[in-house]
Protein backbone atom coordinates (compact mmCIF):
# COMPACT_ATOMS: atom_id res chain seq x y z
CA MET A 1 103.94 4.36 56.28
CA PRO A 2 106.13 1.05 57.18
CA ALA A 3 104.63 -2.11 56.35
CA ASN A 4 104.22 -4.43 59.45
CA THR A 5 107.00 -6.56 60.72
CA LYS A 6 105.59 -10.15 60.71
CA CYS A 7 105.85 -12.64 64.21
CA ARG A 8 108.58 -14.79 64.30
CA ARG A 9 107.81 -17.97 65.64
CA VAL A 10 109.32 -19.06 68.49
CA CYS A 11 109.35 -22.75 69.84
CA MET A 12 110.71 -22.34 73.32
CA ARG A 13 110.88 -20.04 76.72
CA PRO A 14 114.05 -19.51 78.15
CA PRO A 15 114.83 -21.23 81.26
CA PHE A 16 116.39 -17.61 82.99
CA GLU A 17 115.85 -14.52 81.14
CA ARG A 18 119.10 -12.75 82.77
CA PHE A 19 122.74 -13.44 82.49
CA ALA A 20 125.14 -10.88 85.00
CA PRO A 21 128.81 -11.41 86.01
CA GLU A 22 129.95 -10.51 89.10
CA GLY A 23 130.18 -6.65 89.40
CA ALA A 24 128.28 -5.96 86.17
CA ALA A 25 126.38 -2.14 85.83
CA GLU A 26 125.26 -2.12 82.14
CA SER A 27 123.27 -4.94 80.25
CA ILE A 28 121.97 -5.67 76.85
CA ARG A 29 118.65 -7.01 76.05
CA ILE A 30 118.47 -9.99 73.22
CA SER A 31 115.10 -10.68 72.20
CA LEU A 32 113.04 -13.80 72.13
CA GLU A 33 113.35 -14.20 68.72
CA GLU A 34 116.88 -13.44 68.35
CA LEU A 35 117.95 -16.29 70.92
CA GLU A 36 115.55 -18.49 69.16
CA ALA A 37 117.76 -17.84 66.12
CA LEU A 38 121.13 -18.82 68.24
CA ARG A 39 119.27 -21.62 69.40
CA LEU A 40 118.47 -23.18 66.12
CA CYS A 41 121.36 -22.14 64.07
CA ASP A 42 124.69 -22.03 66.78
CA LEU A 43 122.69 -25.06 69.61
CA GLU A 44 120.94 -27.11 67.21
CA GLY A 45 123.45 -26.72 63.96
CA LEU A 46 120.65 -26.02 61.51
CA ASP A 47 121.45 -24.33 58.09
CA GLN A 48 120.21 -20.94 58.05
CA GLU A 49 117.55 -21.99 55.13
CA LEU A 50 115.89 -24.58 57.54
CA ALA A 51 116.20 -22.29 60.49
CA ALA A 52 114.18 -19.67 58.84
CA ARG A 53 111.46 -21.91 57.56
CA ARG A 54 111.61 -22.54 61.30
CA MET A 55 110.67 -19.88 62.40
CA GLU A 56 108.38 -19.03 59.34
CA VAL A 57 110.46 -15.96 57.98
CA SER A 58 112.50 -15.09 54.59
CA ARG A 59 116.25 -16.01 54.81
CA GLY A 60 117.51 -12.72 54.70
CA THR A 61 115.18 -11.91 57.69
CA LEU A 62 117.19 -14.93 59.18
CA GLN A 63 120.37 -13.41 58.40
CA ARG A 64 119.57 -10.46 59.85
CA ILE A 65 118.18 -11.54 63.33
CA ILE A 66 121.36 -13.81 63.44
CA TYR A 67 123.58 -11.23 62.75
CA SER A 68 122.08 -8.85 65.71
CA ALA A 69 122.18 -11.76 68.30
CA HIS A 70 125.83 -12.36 67.81
CA ALA A 71 126.95 -8.81 68.11
CA LYS A 72 124.72 -8.61 71.11
CA VAL A 73 126.34 -11.77 73.15
CA ALA A 74 129.79 -10.45 71.43
CA GLU A 75 129.50 -7.53 73.12
CA ALA A 76 128.45 -8.65 76.25
CA LEU A 77 131.36 -11.17 76.28
CA CYS A 78 133.91 -8.50 75.44
CA ARG A 79 132.90 -5.09 77.28
CA GLY A 80 131.47 -7.15 80.81
CA LYS A 81 127.63 -6.70 80.02
CA CYS A 82 124.29 -8.48 81.58
CA ILE A 83 122.46 -10.29 78.94
CA GLU A 84 118.52 -9.50 79.17
CA ILE A 85 116.26 -11.78 77.50
CA GLY A 86 112.83 -10.98 76.29
CA GLY A 87 110.50 -9.07 73.93
CA GLY A 88 111.11 -8.79 70.31
CA ASN A 89 108.11 -9.43 67.77
CA PHE A 90 107.20 -12.76 68.20
CA GLU A 91 104.39 -15.53 68.32
CA PHE A 92 104.83 -18.82 70.26
CA ALA A 93 104.41 -22.34 68.55
CA ALA A 94 101.24 -24.24 69.06
CA GLY A 95 102.30 -27.26 71.57
CA TRP A 96 104.16 -28.00 74.63
CA CYS A 97 107.69 -29.27 74.99
CA GLY A 98 108.23 -30.18 78.98
CA GLY A 99 106.00 -26.67 79.73
CA ARG A 100 107.59 -25.08 76.91
CA PRO A 101 106.26 -24.10 73.54
CA ARG A 102 107.28 -25.70 70.46
CA CYS A 103 105.92 -26.14 67.07
CA ALA A 104 105.70 -28.85 65.04
CA LEU A 105 108.84 -29.11 63.28
CA CYS A 106 110.71 -29.50 67.40
CA PRO A 107 112.71 -32.56 66.95
CA PHE A 108 111.53 -33.73 70.59
CA TRP A 109 107.86 -34.33 68.52
CA SER A 110 106.87 -38.08 67.29
CA GLU A 111 105.51 -38.21 63.91
CA SER A 112 101.58 -38.46 65.30
CA GLU A 113 102.04 -35.26 67.64
CA ARG A 114 103.65 -33.53 64.56
CA VAL A 115 100.32 -34.68 62.25
CA LEU A 116 98.04 -33.30 65.03
CA ALA A 117 99.54 -30.30 65.34
CA GLU A 118 99.33 -30.00 61.76
CA ARG A 119 95.61 -30.31 61.63
CA MET A 120 95.31 -28.03 65.04
CA LYS A 121 97.07 -25.73 63.13
CA ASN A 122 94.72 -25.80 60.25
CA ILE A 123 91.90 -25.94 62.59
CA VAL A 124 92.45 -22.47 63.81
CA LYS A 125 93.11 -20.89 59.91
CA ASP A 126 89.78 -22.33 58.69
CA GLY A 127 87.46 -25.09 60.39
CA ARG A 128 84.37 -25.87 62.34
CA ILE A 129 84.81 -26.27 66.16
CA ALA A 130 81.72 -27.77 68.07
CA VAL A 131 81.25 -27.06 72.05
CA THR A 132 78.65 -29.26 73.88
CA GLU A 133 76.83 -26.41 75.23
CA GLU A 134 74.57 -25.86 77.94
CA ASN A 135 72.98 -21.99 78.96
CA GLY A 136 76.26 -21.22 77.64
CA GLU A 137 78.71 -22.97 79.31
CA VAL A 138 80.92 -26.08 78.58
CA PHE A 139 78.11 -29.15 79.37
CA GLN A 140 80.20 -32.04 81.32
CA HIS A 141 78.43 -35.42 79.84
CA PHE A 142 79.15 -35.40 76.12
CA GLY A 143 76.77 -38.48 75.59
CA HIS A 144 73.97 -36.71 77.42
CA THR A 145 74.57 -33.39 75.01
CA ARG A 146 71.21 -31.93 73.30
CA TYR A 147 73.37 -28.48 72.16
CA PHE A 148 76.54 -27.73 70.36
CA ALA A 149 77.75 -24.51 69.63
CA LEU A 150 78.89 -24.14 66.32
CA TYR A 151 81.88 -22.05 65.49
CA GLU A 152 83.18 -21.44 61.95
CA ILE A 153 86.80 -19.94 62.26
CA LYS A 154 88.48 -18.34 59.09
CA ASP A 155 92.02 -17.05 59.86
CA GLY A 156 92.17 -17.41 63.46
CA ALA A 157 88.97 -15.60 64.32
CA VAL A 158 85.24 -16.36 64.17
CA ALA A 159 83.50 -15.83 61.49
CA LYS A 160 80.25 -17.42 62.66
CA LYS A 161 78.22 -18.97 65.62
CA SER A 162 75.35 -21.10 65.32
CA THR A 163 73.54 -23.72 67.36
CA LEU A 164 73.29 -27.32 66.28
CA ASP A 165 70.05 -29.31 68.30
CA ALA A 166 71.35 -33.00 68.42
CA GLU A 167 67.31 -33.74 69.62
CA GLY A 168 67.20 -37.31 68.68
CA SER A 169 71.02 -38.39 68.38
CA GLY A 170 71.60 -41.04 70.97
CA HIS A 171 75.18 -41.14 72.31
CA SER A 172 76.16 -43.61 69.98
CA ALA A 173 74.77 -41.43 67.45
CA LEU A 174 76.49 -38.26 68.14
CA GLY A 175 80.04 -38.94 66.33
CA GLY A 176 77.97 -39.22 63.22
CA PHE A 177 75.99 -36.24 64.21
CA LEU A 178 78.75 -34.11 64.02
CA ARG A 179 81.17 -35.74 61.06
CA ASP A 180 77.63 -35.19 58.89
CA ASN A 181 77.91 -31.74 60.20
CA GLY A 182 81.12 -31.00 59.57
CA VAL A 183 82.60 -30.61 62.33
CA ASP A 184 86.95 -30.40 62.78
CA LEU A 185 87.32 -30.60 66.15
CA LEU A 186 85.13 -31.31 69.34
CA ILE A 187 84.94 -29.30 72.76
CA CYS A 188 83.80 -31.09 75.83
CA GLY A 189 83.35 -31.67 79.71
CA GLY A 190 83.16 -35.72 80.38
CA ILE A 191 83.83 -37.99 77.14
CA GLY A 192 83.94 -42.31 77.34
CA SER A 193 86.76 -43.93 75.55
CA GLY A 194 84.09 -45.45 72.91
CA ALA A 195 82.98 -41.85 71.91
CA ARG A 196 86.71 -40.68 72.21
CA ASN A 197 87.26 -44.25 69.88
CA PHE A 198 84.49 -42.97 67.17
CA LEU A 199 85.79 -39.52 66.95
CA ALA A 200 89.69 -40.13 66.13
CA ASP A 201 88.01 -42.76 63.44
CA GLN A 202 86.02 -40.06 61.89
CA HIS A 203 89.18 -37.47 61.90
CA ILE A 204 87.25 -35.32 64.17
CA GLU A 205 89.90 -33.85 67.29
CA LEU A 206 88.66 -33.86 70.73
CA ILE A 207 89.89 -31.62 73.86
CA ALA A 208 87.97 -32.90 76.60
CA GLY A 209 88.16 -32.36 80.22
CA ILE A 210 86.77 -28.66 79.60
CA SER A 211 84.53 -26.14 81.66
CA GLY A 212 83.19 -22.76 81.41
CA PRO A 213 81.79 -20.46 78.89
CA THR A 214 81.90 -21.78 75.20
CA ASP A 215 83.22 -19.08 73.58
CA GLU A 216 85.60 -18.11 76.49
CA ALA A 217 86.78 -22.34 75.36
CA VAL A 218 86.65 -21.28 71.75
CA LYS A 219 89.16 -18.12 72.27
CA LYS A 220 91.38 -19.87 74.69
CA PHE A 221 91.43 -22.58 71.87
CA LEU A 222 92.27 -20.17 69.18
CA ALA A 223 95.10 -18.27 71.76
CA GLY A 224 97.00 -22.01 72.15
CA ASP A 225 96.21 -22.25 75.47
CA LEU A 226 93.22 -24.88 75.48
CA HIS A 227 94.80 -28.16 75.85
CA ASP A 228 92.79 -31.86 76.01
CA ASP A 229 92.53 -34.05 79.74
CA PRO A 230 93.18 -37.37 79.35
CA ALA A 231 90.96 -37.79 82.68
CA GLY A 232 88.01 -36.04 80.82
CA SER A 233 86.72 -39.44 79.96
CA CYS A 234 83.61 -40.60 81.90
CA ASP A 235 84.56 -43.88 82.70
CA HIS A 236 83.65 -44.34 86.64
CA HIS A 237 81.00 -46.65 86.74
CA SER A 238 80.67 -48.06 90.33
CA HIS A 239 79.02 -51.48 91.55
CA ASP A 240 77.35 -49.14 94.27
CA ALA A 241 75.91 -46.59 92.15
CA PRO A 242 72.11 -46.82 91.49
CA ALA A 243 71.51 -49.13 88.85
CA GLY A 244 71.78 -48.27 85.58
CA GLU A 245 73.74 -44.96 86.44
CA CYS A 246 77.00 -43.65 86.29
CA ARG A 247 78.34 -42.82 89.62
CA GLY A 248 80.57 -39.88 88.24
CA CYS A 249 78.10 -38.17 86.48
CA GLY A 250 74.55 -39.56 87.73
CA GLN A 251 73.23 -39.99 84.06
CA GLU A 252 71.72 -42.98 82.86
CA ARG A 253 74.82 -45.10 81.11
CA HIS A 254 72.76 -45.57 78.06
CA ARG A 255 72.39 -41.43 77.57
CA HIS A 256 75.75 -40.36 77.87
CA GLY A 257 79.35 -41.24 76.31
CA CYS A 258 80.52 -43.82 79.54
CA ASN A 259 80.99 -47.33 78.51
């Protein structure tokens, strides 16, 4: 029985998936990993060793992919065939660039973005994710959270789920509570800038502005489809709100993550 072929890492989806010369009847298909090899070697000018590292394959595998891609392009140009792009054995890298996936080695990333992408990749492999929780849904006010759903991740899947009870921890102590429980990533709804800064100081990553079932949020994160929304901050007090209350979420200021 043949061994399973390892997925090749692809960092972008092409803006067009079909190129057709006028009058062409036949077509040839280029897979997304073949296009990625062309992009890295022929467009970006990387040597095959570095291109192979980008795609997380061996150099021999990269050579086979690039030779196949060259042969298909040559056939299309010389014999007047359409080129269709799609399919293959690939996985999109974590992160996004202009609406398209990109990896941590993408030359358009800043150093801080590369560090964050690598950190998130490590959490997917082996991390502890806490989600603000109420009745199975993502609770919307971090500083007023009583329960956290805790997910222990092993090799990209949930290995264990439990509940953390934060009773007695005021909003100013919740960050320390998560730190003491070994949390690597917090998923929540609204959160104040002060809490954001504290979590960053404790090297706890954050994805805020999320709603819906907690299980679904973690599933989306593991699939690379969950992203932080800076608008998820609860910094919306107003002078015409009731005294001591946050206008945006109706909770007492000292009870949630608002500043």
